Amino acid sequence: MIRSYLILSVCIGVIVGLGSATFYYAKGYSYMLDDPAACNNCHVMNDQYYSWQKSSHRSVATCNDCHTPNTTIGKYTVKAINGWNHSYAFTSDDYHKPIRINKMNMEVAEENCRRCHDMLTHNITFHETDDTKIQCTSCHLSVGHTK
């Protein structure tokens, strides 16, 4: 019985140790912050980060302002989902090149565009239906990230 506990303890210790070392090495703690440099921890995001630095939004919005929901729970839920997905995709090299935004993240970004620019967009979007809804990026493709 004691031997079983010892083996279980060693296995848990190895998993926690490797997980902690990986989290530290990958700067996982930086993803809890709002610093845009955290999004650039992975070289895959270099183009997005550098283009954001040249964009008009640089002085008013960070990556999280556009790419995470405006609530604490929503923000960290999306960060956790994206963190898991990005970790898998970038480690396994299983992602579209150049990187593309997925449907969930596009919906979050669209909602944030409309929230921040409500005074402007309200007059355009007040008559929309699910069938006629337009996306901000239909006309403003490179606003957050210059091309």
N, C-alpha and C. Protein backbone atom coordinates (compact mmCIF):
# COMPACT_ATOMS: atom_id res chain seq x y z
N MET A 1 0.82 -1.19 0.00
CA MET A 1 0.00 0.00 0.00
C MET A 1 0.87 1.26 0.00
N ILE A 2 1.91 1.27 0.85
CA ILE A 2 2.80 2.42 0.91
C ILE A 2 3.53 2.60 -0.41
N ARG A 3 3.89 1.48 -1.03
CA ARG A 3 4.57 1.55 -2.32
C ARG A 3 3.69 2.22 -3.38
N SER A 4 2.40 1.93 -3.38
CA SER A 4 1.46 2.54 -4.33
C SER A 4 1.41 4.05 -4.13
N TYR A 5 1.36 4.49 -2.87
CA TYR A 5 1.34 5.93 -2.58
C TYR A 5 2.64 6.59 -3.02
N LEU A 6 3.74 5.89 -2.83
CA LEU A 6 5.03 6.43 -3.24
C LEU A 6 5.09 6.60 -4.76
N ILE A 7 4.65 5.59 -5.50
CA ILE A 7 4.64 5.67 -6.96
C ILE A 7 3.70 6.79 -7.42
N LEU A 8 2.52 6.89 -6.82
CA LEU A 8 1.57 7.93 -7.16
C LEU A 8 2.16 9.31 -6.86
N SER A 9 2.81 9.45 -5.73
CA SER A 9 3.43 10.73 -5.35
C SER A 9 4.53 11.13 -6.33
N VAL A 10 5.35 10.18 -6.74
CA VAL A 10 6.42 10.45 -7.70
C VAL A 10 5.81 10.88 -9.04
N CYS A 11 4.78 10.18 -9.50
CA CYS A 11 4.13 10.52 -10.78
C CYS A 11 3.54 11.93 -10.72
N ILE A 12 2.85 12.23 -9.64
CA ILE A 12 2.27 13.57 -9.49
C ILE A 12 3.38 14.61 -9.44
N GLY A 13 4.44 14.32 -8.72
CA GLY A 13 5.57 15.24 -8.63
C GLY A 13 6.21 15.51 -9.99
N VAL A 14 6.37 14.47 -10.79
CA VAL A 14 6.95 14.63 -12.13
C VAL A 14 6.03 15.47 -13.00
N ILE A 15 4.74 15.20 -12.97
CA ILE A 15 3.78 15.95 -13.79
C ILE A 15 3.76 17.42 -13.36
N VAL A 16 3.66 17.67 -12.07
CA VAL A 16 3.64 19.06 -11.57
C VAL A 16 4.98 19.74 -11.88
N GLY A 17 6.07 19.05 -11.71
CA GLY A 17 7.39 19.63 -11.98
C GLY A 17 7.57 19.98 -13.45
N LEU A 18 7.24 19.05 -14.32
CA LEU A 18 7.37 19.31 -15.76
C LEU A 18 6.40 20.41 -16.21
N GLY A 19 5.20 20.37 -15.68
CA GLY A 19 4.21 21.39 -16.02
C GLY A 19 4.66 22.77 -15.57
N SER A 20 5.19 22.86 -14.37
CA SER A 20 5.68 24.15 -13.84
C SER A 20 6.88 24.65 -14.63
N ALA A 21 7.79 23.77 -14.95
CA ALA A 21 8.97 24.16 -15.73
C ALA A 21 8.56 24.65 -17.11
N THR A 22 7.63 23.96 -17.73
CA THR A 22 7.15 24.36 -19.06
C THR A 22 6.44 25.71 -18.99
N PHE A 23 5.60 25.88 -17.97
CA PHE A 23 4.88 27.15 -17.78
C PHE A 23 5.87 28.30 -17.60
N TYR A 24 6.91 28.08 -16.82
CA TYR A 24 7.93 29.12 -16.60
C TYR A 24 8.72 29.39 -17.87
N TYR A 25 9.18 28.33 -18.53
CA TYR A 25 9.98 28.47 -19.76
C TYR A 25 9.21 29.19 -20.85
N ALA A 26 7.90 28.87 -20.98
CA ALA A 26 7.06 29.46 -22.02
C ALA A 26 6.50 30.82 -21.61
N LYS A 27 6.92 31.30 -20.44
CA LYS A 27 6.44 32.59 -19.91
C LYS A 27 4.91 32.60 -19.80
N GLY A 28 4.35 31.50 -19.36
CA GLY A 28 2.90 31.37 -19.23
C GLY A 28 2.29 32.43 -18.34
N TYR A 29 3.01 32.86 -17.33
CA TYR A 29 2.52 33.90 -16.42
C TYR A 29 2.25 35.21 -17.15
N SER A 30 2.97 35.48 -18.23
CA SER A 30 2.80 36.75 -18.94
C SER A 30 1.44 36.84 -19.62
N TYR A 31 0.81 35.71 -19.88
CA TYR A 31 -0.49 35.73 -20.54
C TYR A 31 -1.61 36.16 -19.60
N MET A 32 -1.31 36.26 -18.33
CA MET A 32 -2.30 36.75 -17.37
C MET A 32 -2.37 38.27 -17.38
N LEU A 33 -1.41 38.91 -18.02
CA LEU A 33 -1.30 40.36 -18.03
C LEU A 33 -1.92 40.95 -19.30
N ASP A 34 -1.91 42.28 -19.39
CA ASP A 34 -2.42 42.96 -20.58
C ASP A 34 -1.31 43.47 -21.50
N ASP A 35 -0.09 43.10 -21.24
CA ASP A 35 1.04 43.57 -22.03
C ASP A 35 1.04 42.92 -23.41
N PRO A 36 0.93 43.71 -24.50
CA PRO A 36 0.93 43.14 -25.83
C PRO A 36 2.19 42.34 -26.16
N ALA A 37 3.27 42.61 -25.49
CA ALA A 37 4.50 41.84 -25.74
C ALA A 37 4.29 40.36 -25.43
N ALA A 38 3.36 40.04 -24.53
CA ALA A 38 3.08 38.63 -24.22
C ALA A 38 2.56 37.90 -25.44
N CYS A 39 1.80 38.60 -26.27
CA CYS A 39 1.29 37.97 -27.50
C CYS A 39 2.42 37.70 -28.48
N ASN A 40 3.52 38.36 -28.28
CA ASN A 40 4.67 38.18 -29.16
C ASN A 40 5.68 37.19 -28.59
N ASN A 41 5.34 36.51 -27.49
CA ASN A 41 6.24 35.49 -26.94
C ASN A 41 6.50 34.40 -27.97
N CYS A 42 5.52 34.16 -28.81
CA CYS A 42 5.65 33.13 -29.84
C CYS A 42 5.94 33.80 -31.17
N HIS A 43 6.96 33.36 -31.85
CA HIS A 43 7.38 34.00 -33.11
C HIS A 43 6.27 34.00 -34.16
N VAL A 44 5.30 33.11 -34.04
CA VAL A 44 4.21 33.04 -35.00
C VAL A 44 3.42 34.35 -35.02
N MET A 45 3.44 35.08 -33.90
CA MET A 45 2.66 36.31 -33.78
C MET A 45 3.47 37.57 -34.12
N ASN A 46 4.70 37.42 -34.59
CA ASN A 46 5.53 38.59 -34.88
C ASN A 46 4.85 39.57 -35.84
N ASP A 47 4.32 39.08 -36.95
CA ASP A 47 3.70 39.97 -37.93
C ASP A 47 2.53 40.74 -37.32
N GLN A 48 1.70 40.06 -36.53
CA GLN A 48 0.56 40.73 -35.91
C GLN A 48 1.02 41.78 -34.90
N TYR A 49 2.02 41.43 -34.11
CA TYR A 49 2.52 42.36 -33.10
C TYR A 49 3.15 43.60 -33.74
N TYR A 50 3.99 43.39 -34.72
CA TYR A 50 4.66 44.53 -35.35
C TYR A 50 3.69 45.39 -36.14
N SER A 51 2.71 44.78 -36.76
CA SER A 51 1.72 45.57 -37.50
C SER A 51 0.83 46.36 -36.53
N TRP A 52 0.51 45.77 -35.36
CA TRP A 52 -0.26 46.51 -34.35
C TRP A 52 0.53 47.73 -33.89
N GLN A 53 1.85 47.58 -33.74
CA GLN A 53 2.67 48.71 -33.29
C GLN A 53 2.60 49.89 -34.26
N LYS A 54 2.33 49.63 -35.53
CA LYS A 54 2.24 50.68 -36.54
C LYS A 54 0.81 51.18 -36.75
N SER A 55 -0.15 50.53 -36.11
CA SER A 55 -1.55 50.84 -36.37
C SER A 55 -2.04 52.03 -35.55
N SER A 56 -3.17 52.57 -35.96
CA SER A 56 -3.78 53.69 -35.24
C SER A 56 -4.28 53.26 -33.87
N HIS A 57 -4.54 52.00 -33.66
CA HIS A 57 -5.07 51.52 -32.38
C HIS A 57 -4.00 51.36 -31.30
N ARG A 58 -2.75 51.40 -31.66
CA ARG A 58 -1.67 51.18 -30.70
C ARG A 58 -1.78 52.09 -29.48
N SER A 59 -2.17 53.34 -29.71
CA SER A 59 -2.22 54.30 -28.60
C SER A 59 -3.49 54.18 -27.75
N VAL A 60 -4.46 53.38 -28.19
CA VAL A 60 -5.72 53.30 -27.46
C VAL A 60 -6.17 51.89 -27.10
N ALA A 61 -5.52 50.86 -27.64
CA ALA A 61 -5.99 49.50 -27.40
C ALA A 61 -4.83 48.50 -27.38
N THR A 62 -4.91 47.58 -26.44
CA THR A 62 -3.96 46.47 -26.41
C THR A 62 -4.61 45.26 -27.09
N CYS A 63 -3.88 44.20 -27.22
CA CYS A 63 -4.42 42.98 -27.83
C CYS A 63 -5.69 42.54 -27.11
N ASN A 64 -5.66 42.58 -25.77
CA ASN A 64 -6.81 42.13 -24.99
C ASN A 64 -8.04 43.01 -25.18
N ASP A 65 -7.85 44.28 -25.45
CA ASP A 65 -9.00 45.16 -25.66
C ASP A 65 -9.81 44.71 -26.86
N CYS A 66 -9.16 44.19 -27.86
CA CYS A 66 -9.85 43.75 -29.09
C CYS A 66 -10.15 42.26 -29.09
N HIS A 67 -9.26 41.46 -28.53
CA HIS A 67 -9.35 40.01 -28.72
C HIS A 67 -9.84 39.22 -27.52
N THR A 68 -10.28 39.89 -26.44
CA THR A 68 -10.92 39.19 -25.33
C THR A 68 -12.19 39.93 -24.95
N PRO A 69 -13.17 39.23 -24.40
CA PRO A 69 -14.41 39.88 -23.99
C PRO A 69 -14.15 40.94 -22.91
N ASN A 70 -15.13 41.80 -22.74
CA ASN A 70 -15.00 42.94 -21.84
C ASN A 70 -15.41 42.61 -20.40
N THR A 71 -15.48 41.34 -20.05
CA THR A 71 -15.79 40.92 -18.68
C THR A 71 -14.62 40.09 -18.17
N THR A 72 -14.43 40.09 -16.88
CA THR A 72 -13.30 39.36 -16.29
C THR A 72 -13.40 37.87 -16.58
N ILE A 73 -14.56 37.28 -16.34
CA ILE A 73 -14.72 35.84 -16.57
C ILE A 73 -14.57 35.53 -18.06
N GLY A 74 -15.20 36.32 -18.91
CA GLY A 74 -15.09 36.10 -20.35
C GLY A 74 -13.66 36.24 -20.84
N LYS A 75 -12.96 37.26 -20.32
CA LYS A 75 -11.58 37.50 -20.73
C LYS A 75 -10.69 36.30 -20.43
N TYR A 76 -10.74 35.82 -19.19
CA TYR A 76 -9.84 34.73 -18.81
C TYR A 76 -10.30 33.38 -19.36
N THR A 77 -11.59 33.25 -19.66
CA THR A 77 -12.06 32.03 -20.32
C THR A 77 -11.51 31.97 -21.74
N VAL A 78 -11.63 33.08 -22.48
CA VAL A 78 -11.10 33.12 -23.84
C VAL A 78 -9.58 32.98 -23.83
N LYS A 79 -8.90 33.61 -22.86
CA LYS A 79 -7.44 33.46 -22.77
C LYS A 79 -7.06 32.00 -22.53
N ALA A 80 -7.83 31.30 -21.67
CA ALA A 80 -7.53 29.89 -21.39
C ALA A 80 -7.76 29.03 -22.63
N ILE A 81 -8.87 29.25 -23.31
CA ILE A 81 -9.17 28.48 -24.53
C ILE A 81 -8.09 28.73 -25.58
N ASN A 82 -7.78 30.02 -25.81
CA ASN A 82 -6.76 30.35 -26.80
C ASN A 82 -5.38 29.85 -26.38
N GLY A 83 -5.07 29.94 -25.10
CA GLY A 83 -3.78 29.45 -24.61
C GLY A 83 -3.61 27.98 -24.89
N TRP A 84 -4.65 27.21 -24.60
CA TRP A 84 -4.61 25.76 -24.87
C TRP A 84 -4.48 25.51 -26.38
N ASN A 85 -5.35 26.15 -27.16
CA ASN A 85 -5.33 25.94 -28.61
C ASN A 85 -4.00 26.38 -29.23
N HIS A 86 -3.49 27.52 -28.82
CA HIS A 86 -2.23 28.01 -29.36
C HIS A 86 -1.07 27.10 -28.96
N SER A 87 -1.06 26.68 -27.71
CA SER A 87 0.01 25.78 -27.25
C SER A 87 0.05 24.52 -28.10
N TYR A 88 -1.11 23.93 -28.30
CA TYR A 88 -1.17 22.71 -29.11
C TYR A 88 -0.75 23.00 -30.56
N ALA A 89 -1.36 24.02 -31.15
CA ALA A 89 -1.12 24.30 -32.57
C ALA A 89 0.34 24.64 -32.84
N PHE A 90 0.92 25.49 -32.01
CA PHE A 90 2.29 25.93 -32.27
C PHE A 90 3.31 24.85 -31.92
N THR A 91 3.02 24.04 -30.91
CA THR A 91 3.93 22.95 -30.56
C THR A 91 3.90 21.87 -31.63
N SER A 92 2.72 21.57 -32.13
CA SER A 92 2.59 20.50 -33.13
C SER A 92 2.77 21.03 -34.56
N ASP A 93 2.91 22.35 -34.70
CA ASP A 93 3.03 23.00 -36.00
C ASP A 93 1.81 22.70 -36.88
N ASP A 94 0.63 22.63 -36.23
CA ASP A 94 -0.62 22.31 -36.91
C ASP A 94 -1.53 23.54 -36.92
N TYR A 95 -1.22 24.50 -37.80
CA TYR A 95 -2.04 25.70 -37.93
C TYR A 95 -1.83 26.28 -39.33
N HIS A 96 -2.78 27.10 -39.75
CA HIS A 96 -2.70 27.72 -41.07
C HIS A 96 -1.60 28.78 -41.08
N LYS A 97 -0.84 28.81 -42.14
CA LYS A 97 0.21 29.82 -42.29
C LYS A 97 -0.10 30.66 -43.51
N PRO A 98 -0.24 31.96 -43.40
CA PRO A 98 -0.12 32.75 -42.18
C PRO A 98 -1.31 32.50 -41.25
N ILE A 99 -1.08 32.78 -39.98
CA ILE A 99 -2.09 32.53 -38.96
C ILE A 99 -3.37 33.31 -39.29
N ARG A 100 -4.50 32.70 -38.99
CA ARG A 100 -5.81 33.32 -39.23
C ARG A 100 -6.61 33.35 -37.94
N ILE A 101 -7.50 34.31 -37.84
CA ILE A 101 -8.39 34.38 -36.70
C ILE A 101 -9.50 33.35 -36.89
N ASN A 102 -9.90 32.69 -35.80
CA ASN A 102 -10.99 31.71 -35.92
C ASN A 102 -12.33 32.38 -35.66
N LYS A 103 -13.41 31.64 -35.83
CA LYS A 103 -14.76 32.19 -35.73
C LYS A 103 -15.03 32.79 -34.35
N MET A 104 -14.70 32.07 -33.28
CA MET A 104 -14.95 32.57 -31.93
C MET A 104 -14.22 33.89 -31.70
N ASN A 105 -12.96 33.95 -32.08
CA ASN A 105 -12.18 35.16 -31.85
C ASN A 105 -12.63 36.31 -32.75
N MET A 106 -13.11 36.00 -33.94
CA MET A 106 -13.64 37.04 -34.81
C MET A 106 -14.90 37.64 -34.20
N GLU A 107 -15.75 36.80 -33.61
CA GLU A 107 -16.96 37.30 -32.96
C GLU A 107 -16.62 38.19 -31.76
N VAL A 108 -15.60 37.82 -31.00
CA VAL A 108 -15.17 38.65 -29.87
C VAL A 108 -14.65 39.98 -30.37
N ALA A 109 -13.80 39.97 -31.39
CA ALA A 109 -13.25 41.21 -31.93
C ALA A 109 -14.36 42.10 -32.50
N GLU A 110 -15.29 41.50 -33.21
CA GLU A 110 -16.41 42.26 -33.78
C GLU A 110 -17.22 42.94 -32.68
N GLU A 111 -17.51 42.19 -31.62
CA GLU A 111 -18.26 42.76 -30.49
C GLU A 111 -17.50 43.93 -29.87
N ASN A 112 -16.19 43.80 -29.76
CA ASN A 112 -15.39 44.88 -29.17
C ASN A 112 -15.31 46.10 -30.09
N CYS A 113 -15.23 45.88 -31.39
CA CYS A 113 -15.26 47.02 -32.33
C CYS A 113 -16.55 47.81 -32.12
N ARG A 114 -17.64 47.08 -32.10
CA ARG A 114 -18.95 47.73 -31.96
C ARG A 114 -19.10 48.40 -30.61
N ARG A 115 -18.57 47.81 -29.57
CA ARG A 115 -18.67 48.39 -28.23
C ARG A 115 -17.87 49.69 -28.16
N CYS A 116 -16.64 49.67 -28.62
CA CYS A 116 -15.79 50.86 -28.54
C CYS A 116 -16.26 51.99 -29.47
N HIS A 117 -16.81 51.60 -30.60
CA HIS A 117 -17.20 52.59 -31.60
C HIS A 117 -18.72 52.72 -31.72
N ASP A 118 -19.43 52.44 -30.63
CA ASP A 118 -20.89 52.42 -30.63
C ASP A 118 -21.50 53.71 -31.16
N MET A 119 -20.93 54.85 -30.81
CA MET A 119 -21.49 56.14 -31.25
C MET A 119 -21.48 56.22 -32.78
N LEU A 120 -20.49 55.61 -33.41
CA LEU A 120 -20.41 55.63 -34.88
C LEU A 120 -21.21 54.50 -35.52
N THR A 121 -21.12 53.33 -34.92
CA THR A 121 -21.72 52.16 -35.56
C THR A 121 -23.22 52.05 -35.34
N HIS A 122 -23.73 52.66 -34.30
CA HIS A 122 -25.16 52.53 -34.01
C HIS A 122 -26.01 52.95 -35.20
N ASN A 123 -25.66 54.03 -35.85
CA ASN A 123 -26.44 54.51 -36.99
C ASN A 123 -26.33 53.59 -38.20
N ILE A 124 -25.30 52.80 -38.25
CA ILE A 124 -25.12 51.87 -39.37
C ILE A 124 -25.82 50.54 -39.08
N THR A 125 -25.77 50.12 -37.82
CA THR A 125 -26.17 48.75 -37.48
C THR A 125 -27.53 48.62 -36.81
N PHE A 126 -28.23 49.70 -36.53
CA PHE A 126 -29.47 49.61 -35.76
C PHE A 126 -30.54 48.78 -36.48
N HIS A 127 -30.48 48.69 -37.77
CA HIS A 127 -31.50 47.97 -38.55
C HIS A 127 -31.06 46.55 -38.96
N GLU A 128 -29.93 46.09 -38.46
CA GLU A 128 -29.43 44.77 -38.86
C GLU A 128 -30.32 43.65 -38.34
N THR A 129 -30.31 42.56 -39.07
CA THR A 129 -30.91 41.31 -38.63
C THR A 129 -29.80 40.26 -38.71
N ASP A 130 -30.08 39.05 -38.27
CA ASP A 130 -29.07 37.98 -38.38
C ASP A 130 -28.68 37.73 -39.83
N ASP A 131 -29.61 37.95 -40.74
CA ASP A 131 -29.35 37.71 -42.16
C ASP A 131 -28.62 38.86 -42.85
N THR A 132 -28.70 40.07 -42.27
CA THR A 132 -28.11 41.23 -42.94
C THR A 132 -26.94 41.83 -42.18
N LYS A 133 -26.49 41.17 -41.14
CA LYS A 133 -25.43 41.72 -40.29
C LYS A 133 -24.11 41.82 -41.07
N ILE A 134 -23.50 42.98 -41.02
CA ILE A 134 -22.19 43.18 -41.65
C ILE A 134 -21.11 43.14 -40.59
N GLN A 135 -19.90 42.86 -41.01
CA GLN A 135 -18.76 42.85 -40.08
C GLN A 135 -17.95 44.12 -40.29
N CYS A 136 -17.40 44.64 -39.21
CA CYS A 136 -16.56 45.84 -39.29
C CYS A 136 -15.40 45.61 -40.26
N THR A 137 -14.85 44.39 -40.23
CA THR A 137 -13.70 44.10 -41.08
C THR A 137 -14.05 43.95 -42.55
N SER A 138 -15.35 43.97 -42.87
CA SER A 138 -15.74 43.95 -44.28
C SER A 138 -15.18 45.18 -44.99
N CYS A 139 -15.17 46.30 -44.27
CA CYS A 139 -14.65 47.55 -44.84
C CYS A 139 -13.30 47.95 -44.23
N HIS A 140 -13.08 47.58 -42.99
CA HIS A 140 -11.89 48.02 -42.26
C HIS A 140 -10.99 46.82 -41.97
N LEU A 141 -10.52 46.17 -43.00
CA LEU A 141 -9.77 44.92 -42.88
C LEU A 141 -8.49 45.06 -42.08
N SER A 142 -7.76 46.16 -42.24
CA SER A 142 -6.45 46.24 -41.59
C SER A 142 -6.37 47.33 -40.53
N VAL A 143 -7.48 47.64 -39.88
CA VAL A 143 -7.46 48.71 -38.87
C VAL A 143 -6.57 48.36 -37.68
N GLY A 144 -6.75 47.21 -37.07
CA GLY A 144 -5.97 46.85 -35.89
C GLY A 144 -4.56 46.41 -36.23
N HIS A 145 -4.41 45.87 -37.42
CA HIS A 145 -3.12 45.38 -37.89
C HIS A 145 -2.92 45.91 -39.30
N THR A 146 -1.95 46.76 -39.46
CA THR A 146 -1.67 47.30 -40.79
C THR A 146 -1.15 46.19 -41.69
N LYS A 147 -1.30 46.33 -42.95
CA LYS A 147 -0.81 45.31 -43.89
C LYS A 147 0.51 45.73 -44.47
